[in-house]
């Protein structure tokens, strides 16, 4: 799996198959602070992702 982490500009190649939530736990990323996308589609925490996917982990920014 190819993972791009926007906040740190990191690109990682991982062997992973499981839920979005499990991936974030593995990477020690707070799920409240990010959204995960695959092919520009927002994924929910319980959606399954597989080893051949490319995902982006994007920081959530709020303002006022």
N, C-alpha and C. Protein backbone atom coordinates (compact mmCIF):
# COMPACT_ATOMS: atom_id res chain seq x y z
N UNK A 1 0.83 -1.17 0.00
CA UNK A 1 0.00 0.00 0.00
C UNK A 1 0.88 1.24 0.00
N UNK A 2 0.48 2.20 -0.77
CA UNK A 2 1.19 3.47 -0.78
C UNK A 2 0.37 4.47 0.03
N UNK A 3 1.04 5.13 0.98
CA UNK A 3 0.37 6.07 1.87
C UNK A 3 1.10 7.41 1.79
N UNK A 4 0.33 8.48 1.58
CA UNK A 4 0.88 9.83 1.62
C UNK A 4 0.29 10.52 2.83
N UNK A 5 1.15 11.03 3.72
CA UNK A 5 0.71 11.74 4.91
C UNK A 5 0.97 13.22 4.68
N UNK A 6 -0.11 13.97 4.46
CA UNK A 6 0.00 15.38 4.07
C UNK A 6 0.76 16.22 5.10
N UNK A 7 0.44 16.05 6.38
CA UNK A 7 1.01 16.91 7.43
C UNK A 7 2.54 16.88 7.43
N UNK A 8 3.11 15.69 7.24
CA UNK A 8 4.57 15.55 7.28
C UNK A 8 5.19 15.41 5.89
N UNK A 9 4.35 15.38 4.87
CA UNK A 9 4.79 15.19 3.48
C UNK A 9 5.50 13.85 3.27
N UNK A 10 5.19 12.87 4.12
CA UNK A 10 5.82 11.55 4.03
C UNK A 10 5.09 10.68 3.02
N UNK A 11 5.86 9.86 2.32
CA UNK A 11 5.31 8.81 1.46
C UNK A 11 5.82 7.49 2.02
N UNK A 12 4.90 6.57 2.27
CA UNK A 12 5.28 5.28 2.86
C UNK A 12 4.76 4.15 1.99
N UNK A 13 5.55 3.10 1.90
CA UNK A 13 5.12 1.85 1.29
C UNK A 13 4.93 0.86 2.42
N UNK A 14 3.70 0.39 2.59
CA UNK A 14 3.38 -0.52 3.68
C UNK A 14 2.73 -1.78 3.14
N UNK A 15 2.93 -2.88 3.86
CA UNK A 15 2.15 -4.08 3.61
C UNK A 15 1.02 -4.04 4.63
N UNK A 16 -0.20 -3.78 4.16
CA UNK A 16 -1.33 -3.62 5.07
C UNK A 16 -2.63 -3.97 4.36
N UNK A 17 -3.49 -4.63 5.09
CA UNK A 17 -4.86 -4.88 4.65
C UNK A 17 -5.73 -4.86 5.90
N UNK A 18 -6.72 -3.98 5.93
CA UNK A 18 -7.58 -3.86 7.10
C UNK A 18 -8.43 -2.61 6.98
N UNK A 19 -8.92 -2.15 8.12
CA UNK A 19 -9.78 -0.96 8.12
C UNK A 19 -8.94 0.32 8.18
N UNK A 20 -9.57 1.41 7.82
CA UNK A 20 -8.93 2.72 7.92
C UNK A 20 -8.52 2.97 9.37
N UNK A 21 -9.39 2.63 10.29
CA UNK A 21 -9.10 2.81 11.72
C UNK A 21 -7.84 2.05 12.14
N UNK A 22 -7.71 0.82 11.67
CA UNK A 22 -6.52 0.01 12.00
C UNK A 22 -5.25 0.61 11.41
N UNK A 23 -5.35 1.16 10.21
CA UNK A 23 -4.18 1.80 9.59
C UNK A 23 -3.73 3.00 10.41
N UNK A 24 -4.69 3.82 10.82
CA UNK A 24 -4.33 5.01 11.61
C UNK A 24 -3.71 4.61 12.95
N UNK A 25 -4.23 3.57 13.57
CA UNK A 25 -3.63 3.08 14.82
C UNK A 25 -2.20 2.61 14.58
N UNK A 26 -1.99 1.87 13.50
CA UNK A 26 -0.65 1.37 13.16
C UNK A 26 0.33 2.53 12.96
N UNK A 27 -0.14 3.61 12.35
CA UNK A 27 0.72 4.77 12.09
C UNK A 27 0.74 5.77 13.25
N UNK A 28 -0.03 5.47 14.31
CA UNK A 28 -0.11 6.33 15.49
C UNK A 28 -0.59 7.74 15.13
N UNK A 29 -1.67 7.77 14.33
CA UNK A 29 -2.28 9.02 13.91
C UNK A 29 -3.66 9.13 14.53
N UNK A 30 -3.96 10.27 15.12
CA UNK A 30 -5.26 10.52 15.75
C UNK A 30 -6.34 10.59 14.67
N UNK A 31 -7.33 9.69 14.70
CA UNK A 31 -8.36 9.68 13.65
C UNK A 31 -9.26 10.91 13.65
N UNK A 32 -9.32 11.63 14.75
CA UNK A 32 -10.15 12.84 14.83
C UNK A 32 -9.52 13.99 14.05
N UNK A 33 -8.21 13.95 13.87
CA UNK A 33 -7.48 15.06 13.26
C UNK A 33 -7.27 14.92 11.75
N UNK A 34 -7.74 13.80 11.16
CA UNK A 34 -7.46 13.56 9.73
C UNK A 34 -8.68 12.99 9.02
N UNK A 35 -8.63 13.07 7.68
CA UNK A 35 -9.52 12.29 6.84
C UNK A 35 -8.64 11.46 5.91
N UNK A 36 -9.13 10.31 5.54
CA UNK A 36 -8.38 9.41 4.66
C UNK A 36 -9.13 9.30 3.35
N UNK A 37 -8.39 9.43 2.24
CA UNK A 37 -9.01 9.34 0.92
C UNK A 37 -8.33 8.26 0.08
N UNK A 38 -9.11 7.72 -0.84
CA UNK A 38 -8.61 6.78 -1.85
C UNK A 38 -9.25 7.21 -3.16
N UNK A 39 -8.45 7.52 -4.15
CA UNK A 39 -8.95 8.00 -5.45
C UNK A 39 -9.89 9.19 -5.26
N UNK A 40 -9.50 10.11 -4.40
CA UNK A 40 -10.26 11.34 -4.11
C UNK A 40 -11.62 11.08 -3.47
N UNK A 41 -11.85 9.88 -2.94
CA UNK A 41 -13.09 9.55 -2.23
C UNK A 41 -12.77 9.46 -0.74
N UNK A 42 -13.55 10.16 0.08
CA UNK A 42 -13.35 10.13 1.53
C UNK A 42 -13.79 8.76 2.06
N UNK A 43 -12.93 8.16 2.88
CA UNK A 43 -13.21 6.85 3.46
C UNK A 43 -13.65 6.99 4.92
N UNK A 44 -14.55 6.13 5.35
CA UNK A 44 -14.96 6.10 6.75
C UNK A 44 -14.00 5.20 7.53
N UNK A 45 -14.02 5.33 8.84
CA UNK A 45 -13.10 4.58 9.71
C UNK A 45 -13.25 3.07 9.57
N UNK A 46 -14.45 2.60 9.22
CA UNK A 46 -14.67 1.15 9.15
C UNK A 46 -14.53 0.58 7.74
N UNK A 47 -14.17 1.41 6.77
CA UNK A 47 -13.99 0.90 5.41
C UNK A 47 -12.69 0.12 5.29
N UNK A 48 -12.75 -0.95 4.49
CA UNK A 48 -11.59 -1.82 4.29
C UNK A 48 -10.69 -1.25 3.19
N UNK A 49 -9.41 -1.28 3.44
CA UNK A 49 -8.42 -0.90 2.44
C UNK A 49 -7.45 -2.07 2.30
N UNK A 50 -6.89 -2.22 1.11
CA UNK A 50 -6.04 -3.38 0.86
C UNK A 50 -4.64 -2.97 0.44
N UNK A 51 -3.80 -3.98 0.35
CA UNK A 51 -2.38 -3.78 0.10
C UNK A 51 -2.09 -3.05 -1.22
N UNK A 52 -2.98 -3.16 -2.20
CA UNK A 52 -2.70 -2.52 -3.49
C UNK A 52 -3.32 -1.13 -3.62
N UNK A 53 -3.90 -0.60 -2.53
CA UNK A 53 -4.49 0.74 -2.56
C UNK A 53 -3.45 1.84 -2.40
N UNK A 54 -3.82 3.02 -2.86
CA UNK A 54 -3.05 4.25 -2.61
C UNK A 54 -3.97 5.17 -1.83
N UNK A 55 -3.54 5.55 -0.64
CA UNK A 55 -4.38 6.41 0.20
C UNK A 55 -3.63 7.67 0.59
N UNK A 56 -4.41 8.71 0.86
CA UNK A 56 -3.85 9.97 1.37
C UNK A 56 -4.46 10.22 2.73
N UNK A 57 -3.63 10.64 3.66
CA UNK A 57 -4.08 11.02 4.99
C UNK A 57 -3.94 12.53 5.07
N UNK A 58 -5.10 13.21 5.11
CA UNK A 58 -5.13 14.67 5.05
C UNK A 58 -5.51 15.26 6.40
N UNK A 59 -4.83 16.31 6.78
CA UNK A 59 -5.12 16.99 8.04
C UNK A 59 -6.41 17.77 7.94
N UNK A 60 -7.19 17.74 9.01
CA UNK A 60 -8.42 18.51 9.09
C UNK A 60 -8.08 19.84 9.75
N UNK A 61 -8.48 20.92 9.09
CA UNK A 61 -8.19 22.26 9.61
C UNK A 61 -9.51 22.98 9.79
N UNK A 62 -9.70 23.55 10.95
CA UNK A 62 -10.92 24.34 11.16
C UNK A 62 -10.52 25.78 11.47
N UNK A 63 -11.38 26.66 11.13
CA UNK A 63 -11.11 28.07 11.38
C UNK A 63 -12.40 28.79 11.71
N UNK A 64 -12.24 30.03 12.00
CA UNK A 64 -13.45 30.75 12.37
C UNK A 64 -13.40 32.18 11.96
